[in-house]
Structures are given as structure tokens and as C-alpha cells.
């Protein structure tokens, strides 16, 4: 089911004047197919529990986005990112927190995805995105992924 709760997210913000949580997320395309990427289900007891999301997590104090993403996806899905590139940044205000979601496309990686935090993992096809419930901040990113797939990019 498609989530339509997005509250006017800001795409690729130039500056943000208020407190926010900086989150990094990975678009990890399944090897040998550019039409399927990895998603993880948020655990019970966490903000937006049971929603699906791109693997990743919060930056630690003093951490830069790329090293944070490498650390997070090893911790979460046991994949070692070798190279990646920035994809899209989305700023979203939730009722209880503000999020800067910094997404990256993983260009090369080692390992096979496996859940390391007892979360469900799924390789989702671009044509299946609307069957899953994602957090509002993720919607513009997923829409861009769908548009890119349709355009053949």
C-alpha cells in the first residue's frame, strides 16, 4: 500500500535552519539486475515501525555521510560498500522530529544481504514499490527511482 502522508518534503535542500536528524540510506541494486533493489522493514518499537525503508541509519557525532553509510549497511545488512555516489537528499518534518534523508546509490559492494538486526529484507522490483508502505521522507526518492527506471537510466 502506498503511503501518501508526505508533508511537503524538501528535495535537495541547500540549507536547513532548524534541528534535524541526519540519516543516510543506500540504494543497493541486486547484482545482475538493475530492476531490483534492497529494502528493509523497520522493527517494532522504532519510529514508523513496520514501514519498509532503504537500508541505512543515523550519522554519529562527527561522522561524514559516506563513512556513516558504509558502517550502517554493514551493521544492518552485512554488505560492504566499496563505491557509491550521492543520489538525493530529502528534508522532512515529522510531528515529533525533523529528518534529513541523504540517499546514495551503491555502485559496487561485497557480500550478500542478510538481516543482522532481525529485520525482514526484500529485493523489490521497481514495478512493486507501490505494494509496500514507506515513510513519507522516502516517497520522493522512490518516485525518482521509478521515473529513472521508466526512462531507462
N, C-alpha and C. Protein backbone atom coordinates (compact mmCIF):
# COMPACT_ATOMS: atom_id res chain seq x y z
N UNK A 1 0.84 -1.17 0.00
CA UNK A 1 0.00 0.00 0.00
C UNK A 1 0.88 1.24 0.00
N UNK A 2 0.58 2.17 -0.84
CA UNK A 2 1.35 3.40 -0.97
C UNK A 2 1.03 4.35 0.18
N UNK A 3 2.05 4.91 0.78
CA UNK A 3 1.87 5.88 1.85
C UNK A 3 1.76 7.26 1.22
N UNK A 4 0.72 8.00 1.58
CA UNK A 4 0.53 9.34 1.00
C UNK A 4 0.59 10.41 2.07
N UNK A 5 1.25 10.14 3.19
CA UNK A 5 1.30 11.08 4.30
C UNK A 5 2.40 12.14 4.16
N UNK A 6 3.08 12.20 3.03
CA UNK A 6 4.20 13.13 2.88
C UNK A 6 3.75 14.56 3.15
N UNK A 7 4.53 15.28 3.94
CA UNK A 7 4.21 16.65 4.33
C UNK A 7 5.15 17.61 3.61
N UNK A 8 4.95 17.77 2.32
CA UNK A 8 5.76 18.68 1.51
C UNK A 8 7.25 18.54 1.79
N UNK A 9 7.85 17.42 1.47
CA UNK A 9 9.29 17.27 1.69
C UNK A 9 10.07 18.25 0.82
N UNK A 10 11.24 18.60 1.27
CA UNK A 10 12.12 19.48 0.52
C UNK A 10 13.19 18.61 -0.13
N UNK A 11 13.27 18.65 -1.44
CA UNK A 11 14.22 17.84 -2.18
C UNK A 11 15.54 18.61 -2.33
N UNK A 12 16.65 17.94 -2.05
CA UNK A 12 17.99 18.52 -2.15
C UNK A 12 18.07 19.93 -1.56
N UNK A 13 17.79 20.05 -0.26
CA UNK A 13 17.83 21.38 0.37
C UNK A 13 19.23 21.98 0.34
N UNK A 14 19.29 23.29 0.16
CA UNK A 14 20.57 24.00 0.15
C UNK A 14 21.01 24.26 1.59
N UNK A 15 20.07 24.64 2.43
CA UNK A 15 20.38 24.85 3.85
C UNK A 15 19.15 24.54 4.68
N UNK A 16 19.38 24.20 5.93
CA UNK A 16 18.30 23.90 6.86
C UNK A 16 18.59 24.68 8.14
N UNK A 17 17.61 25.45 8.59
CA UNK A 17 17.84 26.34 9.72
C UNK A 17 17.37 25.78 11.05
N UNK A 18 16.90 24.54 11.08
CA UNK A 18 16.41 24.01 12.34
C UNK A 18 17.07 22.67 12.65
N UNK A 19 16.87 22.18 13.86
CA UNK A 19 17.46 20.91 14.27
C UNK A 19 16.88 19.77 13.45
N UNK A 20 17.73 18.81 13.13
CA UNK A 20 17.29 17.65 12.37
C UNK A 20 18.20 16.47 12.67
N UNK A 21 17.70 15.28 12.36
CA UNK A 21 18.47 14.06 12.46
C UNK A 21 18.96 13.73 11.06
N UNK A 22 20.27 13.59 10.90
CA UNK A 22 20.86 13.28 9.60
C UNK A 22 20.91 11.76 9.45
N UNK A 23 20.20 11.26 8.45
CA UNK A 23 20.10 9.83 8.19
C UNK A 23 20.65 9.55 6.80
N UNK A 24 21.43 8.48 6.67
CA UNK A 24 21.92 8.05 5.36
C UNK A 24 21.22 6.76 4.98
N UNK A 25 20.98 6.59 3.68
CA UNK A 25 20.31 5.39 3.20
C UNK A 25 20.92 4.97 1.87
N UNK A 26 20.89 3.66 1.63
CA UNK A 26 21.55 3.10 0.44
C UNK A 26 20.54 2.53 -0.54
N UNK A 27 20.74 2.85 -1.80
CA UNK A 27 20.03 2.18 -2.88
C UNK A 27 21.00 1.12 -3.39
N UNK A 28 20.71 -0.12 -3.03
CA UNK A 28 21.59 -1.24 -3.38
C UNK A 28 20.87 -2.07 -4.43
N UNK A 29 21.32 -1.98 -5.66
CA UNK A 29 20.72 -2.74 -6.75
C UNK A 29 21.21 -4.18 -6.68
N UNK A 30 20.30 -5.10 -6.88
CA UNK A 30 20.65 -6.53 -6.88
C UNK A 30 21.59 -6.82 -8.03
N UNK A 31 22.61 -7.60 -7.75
CA UNK A 31 23.57 -7.95 -8.80
C UNK A 31 22.85 -8.62 -9.95
N UNK A 32 23.33 -8.36 -11.15
CA UNK A 32 22.83 -8.96 -12.39
C UNK A 32 21.43 -8.49 -12.79
N UNK A 33 20.87 -7.52 -12.09
CA UNK A 33 19.60 -6.94 -12.50
C UNK A 33 19.52 -5.51 -11.97
N UNK A 34 19.21 -4.60 -12.84
CA UNK A 34 19.10 -3.20 -12.43
C UNK A 34 17.65 -2.84 -12.11
N UNK A 35 16.79 -3.83 -11.96
CA UNK A 35 15.38 -3.55 -11.70
C UNK A 35 14.93 -3.96 -10.31
N UNK A 36 15.85 -4.37 -9.44
CA UNK A 36 15.50 -4.85 -8.12
C UNK A 36 16.51 -4.29 -7.11
N UNK A 37 16.00 -3.68 -6.03
CA UNK A 37 16.88 -3.11 -5.01
C UNK A 37 16.42 -3.54 -3.63
N UNK A 38 17.31 -3.40 -2.66
CA UNK A 38 17.09 -3.92 -1.31
C UNK A 38 16.31 -2.94 -0.44
N UNK A 39 15.31 -3.48 0.26
CA UNK A 39 14.59 -2.70 1.27
C UNK A 39 14.56 -3.53 2.57
N UNK A 40 14.40 -2.84 3.68
CA UNK A 40 14.36 -3.47 4.99
C UNK A 40 13.12 -2.98 5.74
N UNK A 41 12.54 -3.85 6.55
CA UNK A 41 11.37 -3.45 7.33
C UNK A 41 11.80 -2.95 8.70
N UNK A 42 11.26 -1.78 9.07
CA UNK A 42 11.58 -1.21 10.38
C UNK A 42 11.03 -2.09 11.49
N UNK A 43 11.79 -2.19 12.56
CA UNK A 43 11.44 -3.08 13.66
C UNK A 43 10.36 -2.50 14.57
N UNK A 44 9.69 -3.39 15.26
CA UNK A 44 8.69 -3.00 16.26
C UNK A 44 9.38 -2.14 17.33
N UNK A 45 8.69 -1.13 17.79
CA UNK A 45 9.22 -0.26 18.84
C UNK A 45 10.02 0.92 18.32
N UNK A 46 10.31 0.95 17.02
CA UNK A 46 11.03 2.07 16.42
C UNK A 46 10.05 3.03 15.76
N UNK A 47 10.50 4.27 15.58
CA UNK A 47 9.72 5.26 14.83
C UNK A 47 9.30 4.65 13.49
N UNK A 48 8.04 4.74 13.14
CA UNK A 48 7.50 4.21 11.89
C UNK A 48 7.70 2.69 11.78
N UNK A 49 7.46 2.01 12.87
CA UNK A 49 7.62 0.54 12.88
C UNK A 49 6.80 -0.11 11.78
N UNK A 50 7.33 -1.17 11.25
CA UNK A 50 6.73 -1.99 10.19
C UNK A 50 6.74 -1.33 8.81
N UNK A 51 7.11 -0.08 8.69
CA UNK A 51 7.27 0.52 7.38
C UNK A 51 8.52 -0.10 6.74
N UNK A 52 8.58 -0.05 5.42
CA UNK A 52 9.76 -0.50 4.68
C UNK A 52 10.62 0.71 4.36
N UNK A 53 11.93 0.51 4.26
CA UNK A 53 12.84 1.63 4.01
C UNK A 53 14.08 1.11 3.29
N UNK A 54 14.87 2.04 2.80
CA UNK A 54 16.19 1.72 2.27
C UNK A 54 17.12 1.48 3.45
N UNK A 55 18.04 0.51 3.37
CA UNK A 55 18.96 0.27 4.49
C UNK A 55 19.81 1.50 4.80
N UNK A 56 20.08 1.71 6.06
CA UNK A 56 20.91 2.84 6.49
C UNK A 56 20.61 3.20 7.93
N UNK A 57 20.97 4.42 8.31
CA UNK A 57 20.73 4.86 9.68
C UNK A 57 21.32 6.22 9.97
N UNK A 58 21.31 6.58 11.23
CA UNK A 58 21.75 7.91 11.68
C UNK A 58 23.27 8.05 11.65
N UNK A 59 23.71 9.26 11.33
CA UNK A 59 25.13 9.59 11.46
C UNK A 59 25.46 9.73 12.94
N UNK A 60 26.65 9.29 13.31
CA UNK A 60 27.14 9.51 14.66
C UNK A 60 27.85 10.87 14.71
N UNK A 61 28.07 11.40 15.88
CA UNK A 61 28.71 12.70 16.05
C UNK A 61 30.04 12.73 15.31
N UNK A 62 30.25 13.76 14.48
CA UNK A 62 31.50 13.95 13.75
C UNK A 62 31.66 13.07 12.53
N UNK A 63 30.67 12.27 12.20
CA UNK A 63 30.77 11.34 11.08
C UNK A 63 30.29 11.99 9.79
N UNK A 64 30.93 11.69 8.69
CA UNK A 64 30.52 12.16 7.37
C UNK A 64 29.57 11.13 6.75
N UNK A 65 28.75 11.55 5.78
CA UNK A 65 27.75 10.65 5.22
C UNK A 65 28.28 9.34 4.63
N UNK A 66 29.33 9.38 3.79
CA UNK A 66 29.78 8.13 3.16
C UNK A 66 30.30 7.11 4.19
N UNK A 67 31.19 7.49 5.11
CA UNK A 67 31.61 6.52 6.12
C UNK A 67 30.45 6.03 6.99
N UNK A 68 29.50 6.91 7.28
CA UNK A 68 28.33 6.51 8.07
C UNK A 68 27.51 5.47 7.32
N UNK A 69 27.34 5.69 6.03
CA UNK A 69 26.58 4.74 5.23
C UNK A 69 27.29 3.39 5.16
N UNK A 70 28.59 3.42 4.96
CA UNK A 70 29.35 2.16 4.94
C UNK A 70 29.17 1.40 6.26
N UNK A 71 29.29 2.11 7.37
CA UNK A 71 29.12 1.49 8.69
C UNK A 71 27.70 0.95 8.86
N UNK A 72 26.72 1.76 8.53
CA UNK A 72 25.33 1.37 8.74
C UNK A 72 24.92 0.15 7.93
N UNK A 73 25.32 0.07 6.67
CA UNK A 73 24.85 -1.08 5.89
C UNK A 73 25.60 -2.37 6.26
N UNK A 74 26.82 -2.24 6.76
CA UNK A 74 27.48 -3.44 7.30
C UNK A 74 26.73 -3.90 8.54
N UNK A 75 26.43 -2.96 9.45
CA UNK A 75 25.73 -3.30 10.69
C UNK A 75 24.33 -3.86 10.43
N UNK A 76 23.65 -3.34 9.42
CA UNK A 76 22.25 -3.68 9.19
C UNK A 76 22.06 -4.88 8.26
N UNK A 77 22.80 -4.92 7.14
CA UNK A 77 22.54 -5.95 6.13
C UNK A 77 23.78 -6.72 5.69
N UNK A 78 24.92 -6.50 6.37
CA UNK A 78 26.15 -7.26 6.13
C UNK A 78 26.71 -7.09 4.71
N UNK A 79 26.52 -5.91 4.15
CA UNK A 79 27.09 -5.60 2.84
C UNK A 79 28.16 -4.53 3.02
N UNK A 80 29.31 -4.74 2.39
CA UNK A 80 30.40 -3.77 2.46
C UNK A 80 30.39 -2.93 1.19
N UNK A 81 30.06 -1.66 1.33
CA UNK A 81 30.03 -0.74 0.19
C UNK A 81 31.44 -0.35 -0.19
N UNK A 82 31.80 -0.56 -1.44
CA UNK A 82 33.13 -0.21 -1.93
C UNK A 82 33.10 1.16 -2.59
N UNK A 83 32.08 1.41 -3.39
CA UNK A 83 31.95 2.73 -4.01
C UNK A 83 30.47 3.09 -4.12
N UNK A 84 30.23 4.38 -4.09
CA UNK A 84 28.86 4.87 -4.18
C UNK A 84 28.86 6.32 -4.59
N UNK A 85 27.67 6.81 -4.90
CA UNK A 85 27.54 8.21 -5.30
C UNK A 85 26.25 8.79 -4.72
N UNK A 86 26.28 10.07 -4.38
CA UNK A 86 25.08 10.71 -3.83
C UNK A 86 23.93 10.63 -4.84
N UNK A 87 22.74 10.38 -4.33
CA UNK A 87 21.57 10.27 -5.20
C UNK A 87 20.60 11.44 -4.98
N UNK A 88 20.08 11.55 -3.76
CA UNK A 88 19.10 12.61 -3.47
C UNK A 88 19.06 12.83 -1.97
N UNK A 89 18.83 14.10 -1.59
CA UNK A 89 18.63 14.44 -0.18
C UNK A 89 17.20 14.96 -0.03
N UNK A 90 16.53 14.49 1.01
CA UNK A 90 15.15 14.92 1.29
C UNK A 90 15.08 15.37 2.74
N UNK A 91 14.54 16.55 2.94
CA UNK A 91 14.29 17.05 4.29
C UNK A 91 12.79 16.90 4.56
N UNK A 92 12.47 16.28 5.68
CA UNK A 92 11.05 16.06 6.01
C UNK A 92 10.80 16.35 7.48
N UNK A 93 9.70 17.04 7.75
CA UNK A 93 9.27 17.32 9.12
C UNK A 93 8.20 16.31 9.52
N UNK A 94 8.53 15.47 10.49
CA UNK A 94 7.54 14.60 11.10
C UNK A 94 6.99 15.34 12.32
N UNK A 95 5.86 14.93 12.86
CA UNK A 95 5.32 15.63 14.04
C UNK A 95 6.29 15.67 15.21
N UNK A 96 7.12 14.63 15.37
CA UNK A 96 7.99 14.56 16.54
C UNK A 96 9.48 14.71 16.24
N UNK A 97 9.85 14.89 14.97
CA UNK A 97 11.27 15.03 14.61
C UNK A 97 11.40 15.52 13.17
N UNK A 98 12.58 16.07 12.89
CA UNK A 98 12.92 16.51 11.54
C UNK A 98 14.04 15.63 11.03
N UNK A 99 13.93 15.19 9.79
CA UNK A 99 14.88 14.25 9.20
C UNK A 99 15.49 14.83 7.94
N UNK A 100 16.81 14.71 7.81
CA UNK A 100 17.47 14.92 6.53
C UNK A 100 17.89 13.54 6.05
N UNK A 101 17.22 13.04 5.02
CA UNK A 101 17.49 11.72 4.48
C UNK A 101 18.43 11.88 3.29
N UNK A 102 19.62 11.37 3.44
CA UNK A 102 20.72 11.53 2.48
C UNK A 102 20.91 10.17 1.80
N UNK A 103 20.40 10.01 0.57
CA UNK A 103 20.48 8.71 -0.10
C UNK A 103 21.64 8.65 -1.07
N UNK A 104 22.20 7.46 -1.16
CA UNK A 104 23.34 7.18 -2.04
C UNK A 104 23.04 5.92 -2.85
N UNK A 105 23.50 5.89 -4.07
CA UNK A 105 23.46 4.67 -4.86
C UNK A 105 24.77 3.95 -4.63
N UNK A 106 24.68 2.69 -4.27
CA UNK A 106 25.89 1.88 -4.07
C UNK A 106 26.26 1.31 -5.44
N UNK A 107 27.42 1.72 -5.94
CA UNK A 107 27.87 1.31 -7.27
C UNK A 107 28.55 -0.05 -7.25
N UNK A 108 29.26 -0.34 -6.17
CA UNK A 108 29.97 -1.62 -6.05
C UNK A 108 29.96 -2.03 -4.59
N UNK A 109 29.73 -3.33 -4.35
CA UNK A 109 29.72 -3.82 -2.98
C UNK A 109 30.16 -5.27 -2.92
N UNK A 110 30.51 -5.69 -1.70
CA UNK A 110 30.89 -7.07 -1.42
C UNK A 110 29.92 -7.64 -0.40
N UNK A 111 29.69 -8.94 -0.50
CA UNK A 111 28.83 -9.63 0.45
C UNK A 111 27.45 -9.86 -0.11
N UNK A 112 26.69 -10.65 0.63
CA UNK A 112 25.30 -10.94 0.29
C UNK A 112 24.42 -10.41 1.41
N UNK A 113 23.33 -9.79 1.04
CA UNK A 113 22.43 -9.20 2.04
C UNK A 113 21.87 -10.26 2.96
N UNK A 114 21.99 -9.96 4.26
CA UNK A 114 21.36 -10.81 5.27
C UNK A 114 21.01 -9.91 6.45
N UNK A 115 19.89 -10.18 7.09
CA UNK A 115 19.47 -9.32 8.21
C UNK A 115 20.37 -9.52 9.42
N UNK A 116 20.90 -8.42 9.94
CA UNK A 116 21.74 -8.50 11.13
C UNK A 116 21.05 -7.91 12.35
N UNK A 117 19.84 -7.37 12.15
CA UNK A 117 19.09 -6.78 13.26
C UNK A 117 17.69 -7.41 13.36
N UNK A 118 17.56 -8.65 12.94
CA UNK A 118 16.30 -9.39 12.97
C UNK A 118 15.18 -8.69 12.20
N UNK A 119 15.53 -7.90 11.19
CA UNK A 119 14.53 -7.23 10.37
C UNK A 119 14.30 -8.05 9.10
N UNK A 120 13.13 -7.87 8.51
CA UNK A 120 12.85 -8.52 7.23
C UNK A 120 13.56 -7.73 6.13
N UNK A 121 14.11 -8.45 5.15
CA UNK A 121 14.72 -7.85 3.97
C UNK A 121 13.97 -8.34 2.75
N UNK A 122 13.95 -7.51 1.71
CA UNK A 122 13.28 -7.91 0.47
C UNK A 122 13.93 -7.19 -0.70
N UNK A 123 14.18 -7.93 -1.78
CA UNK A 123 14.61 -7.30 -3.03
C UNK A 123 13.33 -6.93 -3.75
N UNK A 124 13.10 -5.65 -3.93
CA UNK A 124 11.85 -5.17 -4.53
C UNK A 124 12.10 -4.70 -5.95
N UNK A 125 11.23 -5.12 -6.85
CA UNK A 125 11.30 -4.64 -8.22
C UNK A 125 10.72 -3.24 -8.31
N UNK A 126 11.20 -2.47 -9.25
CA UNK A 126 10.72 -1.10 -9.42
C UNK A 126 9.21 -1.09 -9.60
N UNK A 127 8.68 -2.09 -10.29
CA UNK A 127 7.24 -2.16 -10.53
C UNK A 127 6.45 -2.63 -9.30
N UNK A 128 7.13 -2.99 -8.21
CA UNK A 128 6.47 -3.46 -6.99
C UNK A 128 6.48 -2.43 -5.86
N UNK A 129 7.12 -1.30 -6.06
CA UNK A 129 7.30 -0.31 -4.99
C UNK A 129 5.98 0.05 -4.32
N UNK A 130 4.94 0.24 -5.10
CA UNK A 130 3.66 0.70 -4.55
C UNK A 130 2.95 -0.34 -3.68
N UNK A 131 3.47 -1.55 -3.62
CA UNK A 131 2.87 -2.60 -2.80
C UNK A 131 3.36 -2.54 -1.35
N UNK A 132 4.33 -1.67 -1.07
CA UNK A 132 4.92 -1.57 0.26
C UNK A 132 4.63 -0.20 0.86
N UNK A 133 4.59 -0.14 2.19
CA UNK A 133 4.37 1.13 2.89
C UNK A 133 5.72 1.67 3.32
N UNK A 134 6.06 2.87 2.83
CA UNK A 134 7.33 3.52 3.12
C UNK A 134 7.09 4.80 3.91
N UNK A 135 8.08 5.25 4.69
CA UNK A 135 7.96 6.52 5.41
C UNK A 135 7.79 7.68 4.41
N UNK A 136 7.10 8.73 4.82
CA UNK A 136 6.88 9.87 3.93
C UNK A 136 8.16 10.45 3.33
N UNK A 137 9.25 10.51 4.10
CA UNK A 137 10.51 11.08 3.58
C UNK A 137 11.06 10.26 2.42
N UNK A 138 10.73 8.97 2.36
CA UNK A 138 11.25 8.09 1.30
C UNK A 138 10.50 8.25 -0.03
N UNK A 139 9.28 8.75 0.01
CA UNK A 139 8.42 8.77 -1.19
C UNK A 139 9.05 9.51 -2.37
N UNK A 140 9.62 10.71 -2.19
CA UNK A 140 10.23 11.38 -3.36
C UNK A 140 11.40 10.58 -3.95
N UNK A 141 12.13 9.88 -3.11
CA UNK A 141 13.26 9.07 -3.57
C UNK A 141 12.74 7.90 -4.40
N UNK A 142 11.74 7.23 -3.89
CA UNK A 142 11.16 6.09 -4.61
C UNK A 142 10.52 6.54 -5.92
N UNK A 143 9.88 7.69 -5.90
CA UNK A 143 9.31 8.23 -7.15
C UNK A 143 10.41 8.50 -8.17
N UNK A 144 11.54 9.03 -7.72
CA UNK A 144 12.66 9.28 -8.63
C UNK A 144 13.23 7.98 -9.18
N UNK A 145 13.31 6.95 -8.34
CA UNK A 145 13.79 5.65 -8.79
C UNK A 145 12.85 5.10 -9.87
N UNK A 146 11.55 5.21 -9.64
CA UNK A 146 10.58 4.74 -10.63
C UNK A 146 10.72 5.51 -11.95
N UNK A 147 10.83 6.83 -11.86
CA UNK A 147 10.98 7.65 -13.08
C UNK A 147 12.25 7.27 -13.83
N UNK A 148 13.35 7.05 -13.10
CA UNK A 148 14.61 6.65 -13.74
C UNK A 148 14.47 5.32 -14.43
N UNK A 149 13.77 4.38 -13.80
CA UNK A 149 13.60 3.05 -14.39
C UNK A 149 12.76 3.14 -15.66
N UNK A 150 11.73 3.97 -15.64
CA UNK A 150 10.88 4.14 -16.81
C UNK A 150 11.68 4.76 -17.95
N UNK A 151 12.56 5.71 -17.60
CA UNK A 151 13.38 6.40 -18.60
C UNK A 151 14.54 5.54 -19.05
N UNK A 152 14.79 4.44 -18.35
CA UNK A 152 15.89 3.56 -18.72
C UNK A 152 17.24 3.98 -18.19
N UNK A 153 17.24 4.84 -17.15
CA UNK A 153 18.51 5.32 -16.56
C UNK A 153 18.88 4.51 -15.35
